[in-house]
Amino acid sequence: MKAIVVHPGERDTIHMRDVPDPRLAADQVAVKVVRLGLCATDAEINHGSYGEAPHGSEFLILGHENFGVIEDVGKKVKAFKPGDRVVSTVRRPCGVCDNCRHGENDMCSSGRYTERGILRRHGFMAEYYVESPQWLFKIPRAIEELGVLLEPMSVVQKAIDHAYGIQRRLRWNPRTALLLGAGPMGLLAAAVLRVRGLEAHVVGREPASDRRAELARKIGATYHAVADEPLLDLQRELPPIDLAIEATGAASVVFQAMQMLGRNGILCLLSVTAGGESATEPIAQINHRLVLNSNVVFGSVNANLRHFSMGIRDMVATQKKYPGVLAQLITERLPWDQYRSWFSRRGAGIKTVLELPS
């Protein structure tokens, strides 16, 4: 079969090649890949920033945002059947630490976990893959076109879930949310929080006429364009912020975000940034504010099985409340053999997906 692969640690090695067909075990299902989401993680692995091939392999099959159709099932599989629309999770447990042994593999403490398409395990940029049913989720027909967004949605769900969990430290009834970044993560988070009844403020560098701003408004969020003004100046326009999620991809935003929380507010950092960027920050002022306001700042990555389930639930709810809006996050659909065009230019769209032939 064909697959899109890279040589991790080397720059710009992405190419399509023939690889062996996966072998179906009795307790596995075979999935025909239909659609693949592209994100900054894929680009950074191709740039050689990180990523690791499976043991014994010279290459890594790329791709972690996925949607497919089950084509065959092993004789021991009862919960799935051919024709089921599915999304696979990404991280697999190390089998060593307490968190992984108790189903919290997204919080692995050994660092020996694997991730499909990222770290020591092949991904989904192939015509087919095989997987254990425990890592698969059926996608309802009502949100079939949104299935490829479930993996990034699961990351958003974890951020929100953990924020609420941490805030059990007090009586917390959040009313206002700040979403820093108007990409897929920021807009998905805004949609989830609007469905839950929060006032949402989305911040982006794009002008108010941009498609991102339009989609924010369609889900009842307020969009703030900050390309021409310092981010902290925006505070004068905002109510006290109970929950903030930073998903800009820019490390420079992190310390500004810390200064935008209201009393007892919480900030989740989702951006995985790299490089040697440094900056001068008012650390005494930031520390003063965080302490006196009882603020919390935490980082979050990947997601648990329950966050995929929560993502499906909120996708269905969002589709019902704001019909067709989430599908508009997908701004470009490329035949998968044209993958190089995205990796060479990235473009200005929100989410690009690769479409495999039916």
Protein backbone atom coordinates (compact mmCIF):
# COMPACT_ATOMS: atom_id res chain seq x y z
CA MET A 1 0.00 0.00 0.00
CA LYS A 2 0.98 3.66 -0.33
CA ALA A 3 1.95 5.76 2.67
CA ILE A 4 3.34 9.24 3.35
CA VAL A 5 6.50 8.95 5.43
CA VAL A 6 9.36 10.97 6.90
CA HIS A 7 12.79 10.26 8.32
CA PRO A 8 12.51 11.82 11.79
CA GLY A 9 15.33 14.11 12.79
CA GLU A 10 16.09 14.98 9.16
CA ARG A 11 14.73 18.08 7.46
CA ASP A 12 12.16 17.93 4.64
CA THR A 13 12.25 14.19 3.98
CA ILE A 14 8.51 13.73 3.43
CA HIS A 15 7.65 11.45 0.52
CA MET A 16 5.14 8.83 -0.59
CA ARG A 17 6.33 5.26 -0.83
CA ASP A 18 5.13 1.67 -0.94
CA VAL A 19 5.02 -0.03 2.45
CA PRO A 20 3.87 -3.52 3.43
CA ASP A 21 0.14 -3.98 3.93
CA PRO A 22 -0.76 -4.17 7.63
CA ARG A 23 -1.56 -7.68 8.91
CA LEU A 24 -4.92 -8.13 10.61
CA ALA A 25 -4.90 -10.07 13.88
CA ALA A 26 -7.94 -11.84 15.28
CA ASP A 27 -8.53 -9.10 17.86
CA GLN A 28 -8.06 -6.15 15.48
CA VAL A 29 -9.97 -4.29 12.79
CA ALA A 30 -8.71 -3.06 9.42
CA VAL A 31 -9.59 0.55 8.59
CA LYS A 32 -9.60 2.15 5.17
CA VAL A 33 -8.46 5.74 5.61
CA VAL A 34 -10.86 8.30 4.17
CA ARG A 35 -9.58 11.65 5.41
CA LEU A 36 -6.56 13.06 7.25
CA GLY A 37 -6.13 16.36 9.04
CA LEU A 38 -2.88 18.32 8.74
CA CYS A 39 -1.47 20.37 11.59
CA ALA A 40 1.68 22.11 12.79
CA THR A 41 2.88 18.91 14.47
CA ASP A 42 3.13 17.21 11.07
CA ALA A 43 5.05 20.15 9.65
CA GLU A 44 7.46 20.25 12.59
CA ILE A 45 8.17 16.52 12.37
CA ASN A 46 8.96 16.99 8.67
CA HIS A 47 11.27 19.86 9.63
CA GLY A 48 13.18 17.46 11.86
CA SER A 49 12.21 19.23 15.10
CA TYR A 50 10.97 16.04 16.76
CA GLY A 51 9.37 12.68 16.09
CA GLU A 52 10.79 9.16 16.24
CA ALA A 53 10.38 6.14 13.98
CA PRO A 54 9.21 2.79 15.38
CA HIS A 55 11.94 0.48 16.60
CA GLY A 56 13.59 -1.22 13.64
CA SER A 57 12.13 1.15 11.03
CA GLU A 58 14.07 3.77 9.09
CA PHE A 59 10.95 5.83 8.51
CA LEU A 60 7.79 7.01 10.28
CA ILE A 61 4.36 6.95 8.64
CA LEU A 62 3.11 10.42 9.44
CA GLY A 63 -0.38 11.56 10.50
CA HIS A 64 -2.44 11.55 13.69
CA GLU A 65 -5.70 13.35 12.77
CA ASN A 66 -7.77 10.66 11.10
CA PHE A 67 -11.13 9.40 9.90
CA GLY A 68 -11.85 6.09 8.19
CA VAL A 69 -14.23 3.22 7.51
CA ILE A 70 -13.81 -0.28 8.86
CA GLU A 71 -13.19 -2.70 6.01
CA ASP A 72 -12.58 -5.95 7.87
CA VAL A 73 -12.70 -7.27 11.43
CA GLY A 74 -10.83 -10.08 13.15
CA LYS A 75 -12.82 -13.12 14.24
CA LYS A 76 -12.63 -12.12 17.92
CA VAL A 77 -14.02 -8.62 17.37
CA LYS A 78 -17.69 -8.16 18.31
CA ALA A 79 -18.20 -4.41 18.89
CA PHE A 80 -17.35 -3.22 15.36
CA LYS A 81 -18.41 -4.25 11.88
CA PRO A 82 -17.45 -3.40 8.30
CA GLY A 83 -18.86 -0.03 7.30
CA ASP A 84 -18.54 1.59 10.72
CA ARG A 85 -17.13 5.12 10.54
CA VAL A 86 -14.30 5.45 13.05
CA VAL A 87 -11.59 7.67 14.46
CA SER A 88 -8.55 6.26 16.22
CA THR A 89 -6.92 7.79 19.26
CA VAL A 90 -3.22 8.66 19.12
CA ARG A 91 -1.32 7.84 22.31
CA ARG A 92 -0.64 4.32 23.56
CA PRO A 93 0.35 3.52 27.16
CA CYS A 94 3.85 2.68 28.32
CA GLY A 95 2.58 -0.24 30.38
CA VAL A 96 4.90 0.70 33.22
CA CYS A 97 3.70 3.77 35.12
CA ASP A 98 0.65 3.95 37.40
CA ASN A 99 -1.13 6.45 35.19
CA CYS A 100 -0.92 4.27 32.09
CA ARG A 101 -1.88 1.15 34.02
CA HIS A 102 -5.03 2.94 35.19
CA GLY A 103 -6.11 4.23 31.79
CA GLU A 104 -4.56 7.70 32.04
CA ASN A 105 -2.03 7.23 29.25
CA ASP A 106 -2.27 10.90 28.30
CA MET A 107 -0.62 11.60 31.67
CA CYS A 108 2.16 9.01 31.29
CA SER A 109 4.85 9.64 33.89
CA SER A 110 7.57 7.39 32.44
CA GLY A 111 7.82 9.11 29.06
CA ARG A 112 7.88 5.70 27.39
CA TYR A 113 4.48 6.06 25.72
CA THR A 114 4.12 5.89 21.94
CA GLU A 115 2.02 8.07 19.63
CA ARG A 116 0.75 7.18 16.20
CA GLY A 117 2.36 9.31 13.55
CA ILE A 118 4.56 11.10 16.09
CA LEU A 119 6.59 8.95 18.44
CA ARG A 120 7.75 5.36 17.87
CA ARG A 121 4.52 4.20 16.24
CA HIS A 122 3.35 4.54 12.64
CA GLY A 123 0.54 6.97 11.94
CA PHE A 124 -2.45 7.12 9.65
CA MET A 125 -1.15 8.67 6.40
CA ALA A 126 -1.59 5.36 4.60
CA GLU A 127 -4.29 3.65 2.63
CA TYR A 128 -5.07 1.33 5.53
CA TYR A 129 -4.20 0.71 9.16
CA VAL A 130 -5.07 -1.98 11.69
CA GLU A 131 -5.95 -1.23 15.28
CA SER A 132 -7.31 -2.74 18.48
CA PRO A 133 -10.98 -1.79 18.98
CA GLN A 134 -10.21 -0.29 22.41
CA TRP A 135 -8.59 2.70 20.71
CA LEU A 136 -11.40 3.36 18.20
CA PHE A 137 -14.52 5.51 18.39
CA LYS A 138 -17.58 5.14 16.18
CA ILE A 139 -18.63 8.40 14.54
CA PRO A 140 -22.39 9.06 14.30
CA ARG A 141 -23.65 9.71 10.79
CA ALA A 142 -24.89 13.14 11.90
CA ILE A 143 -21.28 14.33 12.34
CA GLU A 144 -19.55 12.12 9.78
CA GLU A 145 -18.12 15.13 7.92
CA LEU A 146 -16.65 16.39 11.20
CA GLY A 147 -14.99 13.12 12.19
CA VAL A 148 -11.52 14.24 11.12
CA LEU A 149 -11.76 17.08 13.66
CA LEU A 150 -12.27 14.72 16.60
CA GLU A 151 -8.58 14.38 17.49
CA PRO A 152 -8.00 18.15 17.85
CA MET A 153 -11.39 18.38 19.55
CA SER A 154 -10.23 15.78 22.09
CA VAL A 155 -7.24 17.99 22.98
CA VAL A 156 -9.62 20.91 23.58
CA GLN A 157 -11.86 18.66 25.69
CA LYS A 158 -8.95 17.63 27.88
CA ALA A 159 -7.95 21.26 28.44
CA ILE A 160 -11.47 22.17 29.55
CA ASP A 161 -11.97 18.98 31.56
CA HIS A 162 -8.72 19.47 33.48
CA ALA A 163 -9.45 23.15 34.06
CA TYR A 164 -12.77 22.24 35.70
CA GLY A 165 -11.05 19.48 37.66
CA ILE A 166 -8.37 21.82 39.01
CA GLN A 167 -10.99 24.40 39.91
CA ARG A 168 -12.63 22.02 42.33
CA ARG A 169 -10.29 23.79 44.72
CA LEU A 170 -13.05 26.41 45.14
CA ARG A 171 -16.68 27.13 44.34
CA TRP A 172 -16.27 27.98 40.66
CA ASN A 173 -19.00 28.98 38.26
CA PRO A 174 -17.17 30.28 35.17
CA ARG A 175 -18.97 32.80 33.01
CA THR A 176 -16.29 34.17 30.68
CA ALA A 177 -13.71 32.44 28.48
CA LEU A 178 -10.79 33.85 26.53
CA LEU A 179 -9.54 31.86 23.54
CA LEU A 180 -6.14 33.06 22.40
CA GLY A 181 -5.69 31.98 18.81
CA ALA A 182 -8.36 31.69 16.12
CA GLY A 183 -7.11 28.47 14.56
CA PRO A 184 -8.88 25.10 14.83
CA MET A 185 -8.13 24.71 18.55
CA GLY A 186 -9.31 28.17 19.52
CA LEU A 187 -12.50 27.95 17.48
CA LEU A 188 -13.32 24.42 18.63
CA ALA A 189 -12.83 25.54 22.24
CA ALA A 190 -15.05 28.56 21.65
CA ALA A 191 -17.79 26.33 20.23
CA VAL A 192 -17.62 23.92 23.17
CA LEU A 193 -17.75 26.71 25.74
CA ARG A 194 -20.58 28.49 23.98
CA VAL A 195 -22.60 25.25 23.99
CA ARG A 196 -21.94 25.11 27.73
CA GLY A 197 -23.26 28.63 28.15
CA LEU A 198 -20.08 30.66 28.64
CA GLU A 199 -19.42 34.07 27.12
CA ALA A 200 -16.52 33.49 24.72
CA HIS A 201 -13.95 35.98 23.45
CA VAL A 202 -11.74 34.82 20.58
CA VAL A 203 -8.48 36.68 19.93
CA GLY A 204 -6.63 36.51 16.63
CA ARG A 205 -4.25 38.45 14.44
CA GLU A 206 -6.56 38.18 11.45
CA PRO A 207 -8.82 41.15 10.61
CA ALA A 208 -12.46 41.23 11.61
CA SER A 209 -13.38 40.44 8.00
CA ASP A 210 -11.47 37.14 8.06
CA ARG A 211 -13.25 33.79 7.91
CA ARG A 212 -12.05 32.97 11.41
CA ALA A 213 -13.78 36.03 12.80
CA GLU A 214 -16.92 35.20 10.86
CA LEU A 215 -17.03 31.67 12.29
CA ALA A 216 -16.47 32.97 15.82
CA ARG A 217 -19.44 35.26 15.42
CA LYS A 218 -21.58 32.42 14.02
CA ILE A 219 -21.24 30.54 17.30
CA GLY A 220 -22.06 33.63 19.33
CA ALA A 221 -18.49 34.47 20.35
CA THR A 222 -16.93 37.93 20.24
CA TYR A 223 -13.89 38.26 17.97
CA HIS A 224 -11.01 40.63 18.77
CA ALA A 225 -8.39 41.44 16.11
CA VAL A 226 -5.07 42.33 17.74
CA ALA A 227 -2.60 42.54 14.87
CA ASP A 228 -2.23 46.30 15.27
CA GLU A 229 -2.35 46.65 19.05
CA PRO A 230 -0.58 45.08 22.04
CA LEU A 231 -2.46 42.09 23.36
CA LEU A 232 -2.55 43.45 26.91
CA ASP A 233 -4.35 46.58 25.71
CA LEU A 234 -7.31 44.32 25.00
CA GLN A 235 -7.92 43.94 28.72
CA ARG A 236 -9.74 47.26 28.80
CA GLU A 237 -12.43 45.76 26.51
CA LEU A 238 -12.83 42.45 28.35
CA PRO A 239 -14.75 41.38 31.43
CA PRO A 240 -12.83 39.45 34.13
CA ILE A 241 -11.69 36.18 32.55
CA ASP A 242 -12.51 32.94 34.37
CA LEU A 243 -11.01 30.49 31.87
CA ALA A 244 -8.37 31.16 29.21
CA ILE A 245 -6.96 28.74 26.65
CA GLU A 246 -3.79 29.71 24.79
CA ALA A 247 -3.50 28.06 21.36
CA THR A 248 -1.56 30.58 19.29
CA GLY A 249 1.64 28.65 18.68
CA ALA A 250 3.56 31.77 19.77
CA ALA A 251 5.61 31.57 22.96
CA SER A 252 5.55 35.35 23.27
CA VAL A 253 1.82 35.23 24.08
CA VAL A 254 2.18 32.96 27.11
CA PHE A 255 3.32 35.56 29.65
CA GLN A 256 0.82 38.10 28.37
CA ALA A 257 -1.95 35.53 28.80
CA MET A 258 -0.95 35.07 32.43
CA GLN A 259 -1.72 38.73 33.02
CA MET A 260 -5.23 38.59 31.54
CA LEU A 261 -6.93 36.37 34.12
CA GLY A 262 -9.54 37.57 36.57
CA ARG A 263 -9.63 36.55 40.22
CA ASN A 264 -9.45 32.75 40.64
CA GLY A 265 -9.02 32.46 36.88
CA ILE A 266 -7.25 29.57 35.19
CA LEU A 267 -5.10 29.44 32.05
CA CYS A 268 -4.39 26.34 29.98
CA LEU A 269 -1.42 26.38 27.60
CA LEU A 270 -1.83 24.21 24.49
CA SER A 271 0.92 25.56 22.23
CA VAL A 272 3.93 23.32 21.74
CA THR A 273 6.64 25.83 20.88
CA ALA A 274 10.22 25.21 19.81
CA GLY A 275 13.33 27.25 19.10
CA GLY A 276 15.57 29.51 21.12
CA GLU A 277 13.35 32.55 21.42
CA SER A 278 13.92 34.68 24.53
CA ALA A 279 12.26 37.80 25.85
CA THR A 280 12.23 40.19 28.78
CA GLU A 281 9.09 39.88 30.87
CA PRO A 282 7.85 41.76 33.97
CA ILE A 283 8.24 38.68 36.15
CA ALA A 284 7.69 40.46 39.48
CA GLN A 285 4.43 41.94 38.21
CA ILE A 286 3.30 38.59 36.79
CA ASN A 287 4.15 36.76 40.00
CA HIS A 288 2.38 39.43 42.08
CA ARG A 289 -0.77 39.10 39.99
CA LEU A 290 -0.84 35.29 39.91
CA VAL A 291 -0.41 35.01 43.66
CA LEU A 292 -2.88 37.69 44.76
CA ASN A 293 -5.52 36.56 42.27
CA SER A 294 -5.11 32.86 43.16
CA ASN A 295 -4.59 32.08 39.49
CA VAL A 296 -3.57 28.74 38.00
CA VAL A 297 -1.49 28.16 34.86
CA PHE A 298 -1.09 24.63 33.51
CA GLY A 299 -0.01 22.89 30.33
CA SER A 300 -1.91 20.17 28.51
CA VAL A 301 -1.14 17.80 25.65
CA ASN A 302 -2.82 14.81 24.02
CA ALA A 303 -6.09 13.39 25.37
CA ASN A 304 -7.68 10.44 27.13
CA LEU A 305 -10.36 8.08 25.85
CA ARG A 306 -13.01 9.98 27.80
CA HIS A 307 -12.04 13.20 26.01
CA PHE A 308 -12.77 11.61 22.64
CA SER A 309 -16.18 10.58 23.99
CA MET A 310 -16.77 14.10 25.27
CA GLY A 311 -15.70 15.45 21.88
CA ILE A 312 -18.29 13.37 20.05
CA ARG A 313 -20.98 14.53 22.47
CA ASP A 314 -20.09 18.20 22.04
CA MET A 315 -19.76 17.90 18.26
CA VAL A 316 -23.31 16.56 18.14
CA ALA A 317 -24.49 19.37 20.45
CA THR A 318 -22.67 22.03 18.43
CA GLN A 319 -24.03 20.69 15.15
CA LYS A 320 -27.52 20.89 16.60
CA LYS A 321 -27.12 24.41 18.00
CA TYR A 322 -25.00 25.88 15.19
CA PRO A 323 -25.74 23.71 12.12
CA GLY A 324 -22.90 23.46 9.62
CA VAL A 325 -20.50 25.81 11.39
CA LEU A 326 -17.86 23.30 12.50
CA ALA A 327 -17.60 21.90 8.96
CA GLN A 328 -16.55 25.38 7.83
CA LEU A 329 -13.32 25.00 9.81
CA ILE A 330 -12.17 22.77 6.95
CA THR A 331 -11.08 25.36 4.43
CA GLU A 332 -9.09 23.18 2.02
CA ARG A 333 -9.47 19.60 0.82
CA LEU A 334 -6.52 18.20 -1.08
CA PRO A 335 -6.23 14.87 -2.90
CA TRP A 336 -3.74 13.04 -0.74
CA ASP A 337 -1.16 12.73 -3.53
CA GLN A 338 -0.94 16.55 -3.47
CA TYR A 339 0.30 16.59 0.14
CA ARG A 340 3.50 18.43 -0.81
CA SER A 341 1.59 21.59 -1.68
CA TRP A 342 0.58 22.01 1.98
CA PHE A 343 3.97 21.15 3.44
CA SER A 344 5.68 23.65 1.14
CA ARG A 345 3.34 26.60 1.69
CA ARG A 346 0.98 25.81 4.63
CA GLY A 347 -1.43 28.50 3.37
CA ALA A 348 -3.71 30.88 5.23
CA GLY A 349 -6.68 28.56 5.72
CA ILE A 350 -7.98 27.21 9.02
CA LYS A 351 -7.80 23.44 8.53
CA THR A 352 -6.52 21.51 5.51
CA VAL A 353 -7.41 17.85 5.08
CA LEU A 354 -6.13 15.19 2.71
CA GLU A 355 -8.79 13.16 0.93
CA LEU A 356 -8.01 9.60 -0.09
CA PRO A 357 -9.67 8.07 -3.15
CA SER A 358 -12.81 6.08 -2.40
